[in-house]
Protein backbone atom coordinates (compact mmCIF):
# COMPACT_ATOMS: atom_id res chain seq x y z
CA MET A 1 36.76 0.84 -5.18
CA GLY A 2 33.19 -0.45 -5.14
CA PHE A 3 30.32 2.10 -5.05
CA ALA A 4 28.72 0.63 -2.12
CA LYS A 5 32.18 1.03 0.00
CA THR A 6 32.32 4.58 -1.47
CA LYS A 7 29.01 5.61 -0.34
CA ASP A 8 29.63 4.09 3.33
CA ARG A 9 32.65 5.98 3.67
CA VAL A 10 31.15 9.15 2.39
CA PHE A 11 28.42 8.79 5.04
CA ALA A 12 30.61 7.41 7.65
CA GLY A 13 32.82 10.73 7.58
CA TYR A 14 29.60 12.77 7.17
CA GLU A 15 27.86 11.78 10.11
CA THR A 16 30.48 12.83 12.43
CA PHE A 17 29.55 16.21 11.89
CA SER A 18 26.05 16.35 10.23
CA GLY A 19 24.38 18.38 13.00
CA TRP A 20 27.10 20.82 12.98
CA LEU A 21 26.90 21.29 9.23
CA ALA A 22 23.24 21.75 9.20
CA ARG A 23 23.45 24.98 11.25
CA ARG A 24 26.26 26.31 8.76
CA SER A 25 25.39 29.11 6.22
CA ARG A 26 24.77 27.79 2.68
CA PHE A 27 28.28 28.82 1.59
CA VAL A 28 29.73 26.37 4.03
CA ARG A 29 27.32 23.61 3.43
CA ARG A 30 28.05 23.74 -0.29
CA ALA A 31 31.84 23.66 0.17
CA VAL A 32 31.53 20.64 2.40
CA TYR A 33 29.40 18.76 -0.12
CA GLY A 34 31.65 19.74 -2.67
CA ALA A 35 34.45 17.95 -1.03
CA PHE A 36 32.23 14.90 -0.46
CA GLY A 37 31.82 15.07 -4.05
CA GLY A 38 35.61 14.74 -4.70
CA VAL A 39 35.25 11.15 -3.17
CA PHE A 40 32.81 10.12 -6.12
CA TRP A 41 35.13 11.70 -8.64
CA THR A 42 38.05 9.52 -7.11
CA ALA A 43 35.74 6.60 -7.65
CA TYR A 44 34.94 7.71 -11.22
CA LEU A 45 38.85 8.34 -11.99
CA PHE A 46 40.21 5.18 -10.30
CA PRO A 47 42.08 2.99 -12.81
CA GLY A 48 39.76 0.30 -14.09
CA SER A 49 36.72 1.87 -12.32
CA ASN A 50 33.29 0.23 -12.86
CA VAL A 51 31.83 3.56 -12.14
CA ARG A 52 33.27 5.08 -15.24
CA ALA A 53 32.29 2.07 -17.18
CA THR A 54 28.97 2.24 -16.07
CA MET A 55 28.30 5.90 -16.90
CA THR A 56 29.70 5.15 -20.25
CA GLY A 57 27.28 2.59 -20.88
CA LEU A 58 24.49 4.73 -19.34
CA ALA A 59 25.51 7.26 -21.81
CA ARG A 60 25.05 5.04 -24.68
CA HIS A 61 21.62 3.80 -23.51
CA VAL A 62 20.14 7.37 -23.06
CA GLY A 63 21.96 8.88 -26.00
CA GLU A 64 23.71 11.51 -24.06
CA GLY A 65 27.40 12.30 -23.28
CA PRO A 66 30.14 12.34 -22.75
CA PRO A 67 30.10 10.06 -19.99
CA ARG A 68 32.32 12.53 -17.64
CA ARG A 69 29.73 15.39 -18.17
CA LEU A 70 26.81 12.87 -17.24
CA PHE A 71 28.67 11.74 -14.03
CA GLY A 72 29.15 15.34 -13.12
CA ARG A 73 25.56 16.10 -13.28
CA TYR A 74 24.95 12.74 -11.47
CA VAL A 75 27.19 14.14 -8.73
CA ARG A 76 25.46 17.66 -8.50
CA ASN A 77 22.20 15.82 -8.18
CA PHE A 78 23.34 13.29 -5.76
CA LEU A 79 24.58 16.04 -3.50
CA SER A 80 21.84 18.42 -3.82
CA GLY A 81 19.18 15.55 -2.99
CA THR A 82 21.34 14.57 -0.05
CA ALA A 83 21.30 18.10 1.13
CA LEU A 84 17.51 18.45 0.91
CA ALA A 85 17.12 15.36 2.92
CA GLU A 86 19.50 16.64 5.57
CA ARG A 87 17.68 19.72 5.88
CA ILE A 88 14.70 17.81 6.69
CA ARG A 89 16.37 15.52 8.82
CA HIS A 90 17.53 18.28 11.35
CA GLY A 91 14.45 19.97 11.54
CA TYR A 92 14.61 22.50 8.59
CA GLY A 93 12.11 20.82 6.47
CA PRO A 94 9.67 24.02 6.24
CA GLU A 95 12.45 25.42 3.79
CA LEU A 96 10.82 22.76 1.36
CA ASP A 97 7.17 24.24 1.56
CA GLY A 98 5.96 24.95 -2.03
CA MET A 99 8.98 23.42 -3.79
CA LEU A 100 7.25 20.36 -5.20
CA GLU A 101 5.52 20.55 -8.47
CA ILE A 102 3.55 17.54 -9.59
CA GLU A 103 3.31 17.03 -13.45
CA GLY A 104 -0.04 15.57 -14.05
CA GLN A 105 -1.52 16.47 -10.51
CA ASP A 106 -5.34 16.55 -11.93
CA ARG A 107 -4.71 12.79 -12.98
CA LEU A 108 -3.23 12.03 -9.57
CA ASP A 109 -6.24 13.48 -7.91
CA ALA A 110 -8.76 11.69 -10.20
CA MET A 111 -7.22 8.50 -9.45
CA LEU A 112 -7.43 9.07 -5.75
CA GLN A 113 -11.22 9.53 -5.92
CA ASP A 114 -11.84 5.70 -5.74
CA ARG A 115 -8.99 4.37 -3.87
CA GLY A 116 -5.05 4.79 -3.04
CA LEU A 117 -2.31 3.97 -5.62
CA PHE A 118 1.07 2.51 -5.66
CA LEU A 119 3.75 5.30 -6.53
CA ALA A 120 6.48 3.36 -7.96
CA LEU A 121 10.00 5.11 -7.82
CA PRO A 122 13.45 4.15 -8.89
CA HIS A 123 15.99 5.04 -6.27
CA MET A 124 16.35 8.90 -7.20
CA HIS A 125 18.29 11.55 -5.58
CA ALA A 126 15.65 13.60 -4.35
CA ALA A 127 12.97 10.84 -3.72
CA PHE A 128 12.85 11.40 0.22
CA ALA A 129 12.41 15.16 -0.25
CA MET A 130 9.83 14.70 -2.76
CA THR A 131 7.88 12.25 -0.49
CA TYR A 132 8.11 14.79 2.63
CA CYS A 133 6.72 17.39 0.35
CA LEU A 134 3.87 15.08 -1.16
CA ALA A 135 2.87 14.25 2.34
CA ASN A 136 2.05 17.73 3.21
CA ALA A 137 -0.89 17.43 0.47
CA TYR A 138 -1.90 13.84 0.54
CA PRO A 139 -1.61 11.05 2.92
CA VAL A 140 1.43 8.94 2.27
CA LEU A 141 2.78 5.51 3.39
CA ALA A 142 6.40 5.23 2.75
CA ILE A 143 7.76 1.71 2.23
CA VAL A 144 11.60 1.50 3.05
CA SER A 145 14.28 -1.08 3.75
CA LEU A 146 16.98 -0.10 5.77
CA THR A 147 20.44 -0.73 4.88
CA ARG A 148 22.26 -3.87 6.42
CA ASN A 149 25.16 -1.52 7.40
CA PRO A 150 24.33 -0.36 10.98
CA ASP A 151 25.57 2.81 10.83
CA ARG A 152 23.88 3.84 7.63
CA ALA A 153 20.78 2.08 9.06
CA ARG A 154 20.69 4.44 12.12
CA ALA A 155 21.18 7.44 9.81
CA GLN A 156 18.31 6.29 7.70
CA MET A 157 16.14 5.83 10.53
CA ASP A 158 16.86 9.28 11.79
CA LEU A 159 15.89 10.63 8.51
CA TYR A 160 12.78 8.66 8.24
CA ARG A 161 11.48 9.71 11.44
CA GLN A 162 11.23 13.16 10.06
CA ALA A 163 9.37 12.08 6.82
CA ASN A 164 6.01 13.93 7.44
CA CYS A 165 4.15 10.57 6.84
CA ASP A 166 3.77 7.17 7.67
CA VAL A 167 6.63 4.77 7.25
CA ILE A 168 6.99 1.02 7.24
CA ASP A 169 10.42 -0.94 7.39
CA VAL A 170 9.82 -3.99 5.38
CA ARG A 171 13.10 -5.55 6.49
CA GLY A 172 12.49 -5.11 10.11
CA GLN A 173 8.79 -6.18 10.31
CA ASP A 174 6.57 -9.24 10.46
CA HIS A 175 5.71 -9.98 6.66
CA GLY A 176 2.02 -10.47 7.28
CA ALA A 177 1.77 -7.13 9.43
CA VAL A 178 3.69 -5.36 6.43
CA ALA A 179 1.14 -6.80 4.01
CA ARG A 180 -2.04 -5.82 5.90
CA LYS A 181 -0.81 -2.24 6.35
CA ILE A 182 0.06 -1.83 2.60
CA LEU A 183 -3.20 -3.22 1.71
CA GLN A 184 -5.35 -0.98 4.31
CA ALA A 185 -3.36 2.10 2.94
CA LEU A 186 -4.24 1.21 -0.74
CA LYS A 187 -7.86 0.56 -0.13
CA SER A 188 -8.28 3.82 1.95
CA GLY A 189 -7.14 6.21 -0.47
CA THR A 190 -3.52 6.70 0.53
CA ILE A 191 -0.43 7.08 -1.81
CA VAL A 192 1.90 4.03 -1.12
CA VAL A 193 5.29 5.07 -2.02
CA GLY A 194 7.97 2.51 -2.74
CA THR A 195 11.20 2.32 -4.70
CA VAL A 196 11.07 -0.68 -6.95
CA ASP A 197 14.39 -0.87 -8.87
CA ARG A 198 16.27 -3.40 -6.57
CA ILE A 199 17.01 -6.20 -8.98
CA GLN A 200 18.27 -9.61 -8.87
CA ASN A 201 19.60 -12.07 -11.64
CA ALA A 202 16.55 -13.10 -13.74
CA PRO A 203 14.98 -16.30 -13.31
CA GLU A 204 14.81 -18.86 -16.07
CA GLU A 205 10.83 -18.96 -15.84
CA ALA A 206 8.72 -16.08 -15.91
CA VAL A 207 7.95 -15.92 -12.16
CA ASP A 208 10.02 -17.77 -9.48
CA LYS A 209 7.43 -17.85 -6.68
CA ALA A 210 9.87 -19.14 -4.12
CA ARG A 211 11.88 -15.84 -4.38
CA ASP A 212 8.89 -13.75 -5.38
CA VAL A 213 10.97 -12.62 -8.34
CA VAL A 214 9.52 -12.00 -11.79
CA ARG A 215 11.45 -12.12 -15.14
CA ALA A 216 11.39 -8.65 -17.05
CA THR A 217 13.64 -6.85 -19.77
CA ALA A 218 15.13 -3.58 -18.78
CA PHE A 219 17.73 -1.76 -20.85
CA GLY A 220 17.69 -4.46 -23.10
CA ALA A 221 18.64 -7.39 -20.79
CA PRO A 222 16.52 -9.88 -18.49
CA VAL A 223 16.53 -8.97 -14.95
CA GLY A 224 14.65 -10.22 -11.86
CA TYR A 225 12.20 -7.65 -10.42
CA GLY A 226 10.36 -8.39 -7.15
CA GLY A 227 6.89 -9.38 -7.60
CA TRP A 228 5.38 -7.55 -4.28
CA PRO A 229 4.24 -4.37 -6.07
CA THR A 230 1.98 -6.10 -8.57
CA ARG A 231 0.60 -8.33 -6.04
CA PHE A 232 -0.24 -5.85 -3.44
CA ALA A 233 -1.53 -3.65 -6.22
CA THR A 234 -3.79 -6.62 -7.56
CA LYS A 235 -5.14 -7.62 -4.04
CA ALA A 236 -6.18 -3.90 -3.53
CA ARG A 237 -7.48 -3.44 -7.28
CA ALA A 238 -5.26 -0.10 -7.16
CA PRO A 239 -3.03 1.17 -10.03
CA ILE A 240 0.81 1.41 -10.28
CA VAL A 241 1.89 4.71 -11.18
CA PRO A 242 5.42 4.65 -12.35
CA ALA A 243 7.29 8.19 -11.52
CA CYS A 244 10.65 10.12 -11.34
CA VAL A 245 11.62 13.16 -9.54
CA ALA A 246 13.75 15.86 -10.96
CA GLN A 247 15.65 18.95 -9.31
CA THR A 248 15.38 21.92 -11.36
CA GLU A 249 16.19 25.38 -10.40
CA GLY A 250 15.48 25.09 -6.72
CA ARG A 251 12.30 22.93 -7.37
CA LEU A 252 11.22 19.57 -7.14
CA ARG A 253 9.16 17.94 -9.96
CA LEU A 254 7.48 14.83 -9.63
CA THR A 255 6.40 13.50 -13.29
CA LEU A 256 3.69 10.61 -13.25
CA GLY A 257 4.25 8.12 -15.82
CA GLU A 258 1.28 5.95 -17.27
CA ALA A 259 -0.82 4.27 -14.86
CA VAL A 260 -0.70 0.43 -15.04
CA VAL A 261 -3.92 -1.52 -13.90
CA PRO A 262 -3.00 -5.05 -12.63
CA THR A 263 -4.53 -7.75 -15.17
CA GLY A 264 -4.11 -10.77 -12.98
CA ASP A 265 -1.08 -11.73 -14.92
CA LEU A 266 1.95 -11.06 -12.74
CA ALA A 267 4.53 -11.39 -15.29
CA ALA A 268 2.67 -8.93 -17.96
CA THR A 269 1.83 -6.29 -15.38
CA THR A 270 5.23 -6.31 -13.94
CA GLN A 271 6.70 -6.03 -17.51
CA ALA A 272 4.24 -2.98 -18.15
CA TRP A 273 5.30 -0.83 -15.12
CA VAL A 274 8.97 -1.67 -15.48
CA SER A 275 8.89 -0.53 -19.05
CA GLU A 276 7.31 2.82 -18.19
CA LEU A 277 9.90 3.17 -15.23
CA GLU A 278 12.59 2.77 -17.79
CA ARG A 279 11.27 5.23 -20.11
CA LEU A 280 11.24 7.77 -17.04
CA VAL A 281 14.65 7.01 -16.15
CA ARG A 282 15.71 7.41 -19.55
CA GLU A 283 14.46 11.08 -19.50
CA HIS A 284 16.49 11.77 -16.22
CA PRO A 285 19.23 9.47 -16.13
CA THR A 286 21.43 11.74 -13.82
CA GLU A 287 18.64 11.64 -11.10
CA TRP A 288 18.65 7.88 -10.83
CA ALA A 289 20.96 6.99 -7.95
CA PHE A 290 20.73 3.26 -8.72
CA SER A 291 22.46 3.42 -11.99
CA LEU A 292 25.45 2.62 -9.98
CA ASP A 293 24.04 -0.20 -8.08
CA LYS A 294 26.41 -3.21 -8.47
CA TYR A 295 23.33 -5.20 -10.43
CA TRP A 296 22.21 -2.45 -12.47
CA SER A 297 25.96 -1.49 -13.33
CA ARG A 298 26.53 -5.07 -14.71
CA VAL A 299 23.47 -4.52 -16.88
CA LEU A 300 24.48 -1.03 -18.24
CA ARG A 301 28.25 -2.52 -18.65
CA LYS A 302 27.15 -5.59 -20.34
CA ASN A 303 24.43 -4.34 -22.53
CA PRO A 304 25.53 -0.67 -23.40
CA THR A 305 23.40 -0.48 -26.58
CA GLY A 306 20.28 -2.12 -25.58
């Protein structure tokens, strides 16, 4: 059972009564989310499961274990992050007021004195809830790419309309218009939030200009990262700030990594923020939703001790 198909089945079932569930008590909501968690455990326990093999590889990389316990925390964080997003989607966003803590907020404010910055996130369970809260205090442009699955794409757009910030879908709009909007935002003091850990096979050369893919090393393996975050930050002369979001005791904590200032060397700058992003992911592995993405799964399974 593939993880992508598992997600589609979970969301397809959830969509049938998400509005009803949003109006139920916390006890009922937790019980229903617990049932959805059972679907993920089915994927984990299925004979020959890539999910289990991936968690085993991830546990070795980050020095945590056993894998079953790691996966249990992954599922809990996935469900709690989803629950927060759905509260926002159905009009209960004010419940999150005051929930966000920014580790290094003084540094963030100092960087924004001159111009905007690119907040580079991995796919984390509570990334949307964090963005919603962040937009209460700062101007934010969220870069999104809707899934190709039409049902999930519709659900995603319903959610993003409640994001409390400006949103641009890079898959559904003209590339020139997307570029202009991102550059204008960076130059005008806006925090541009983008998830940047969608990878491809690594190109043979340092930069594949035709595909806009940069060769980088992550978790001890060569992978292909999109060159667009570095290109936009370079043109706007704005820093790239890798970050992660953790859920703790009813709070959201945004941790800012070391800022990377583009040097004009696309490959070197990309590797710099990729390495910093990996460091943050290693600190919060069970918040990293994309560890079970098919490309990352291959990296973690094939290179379990890198």
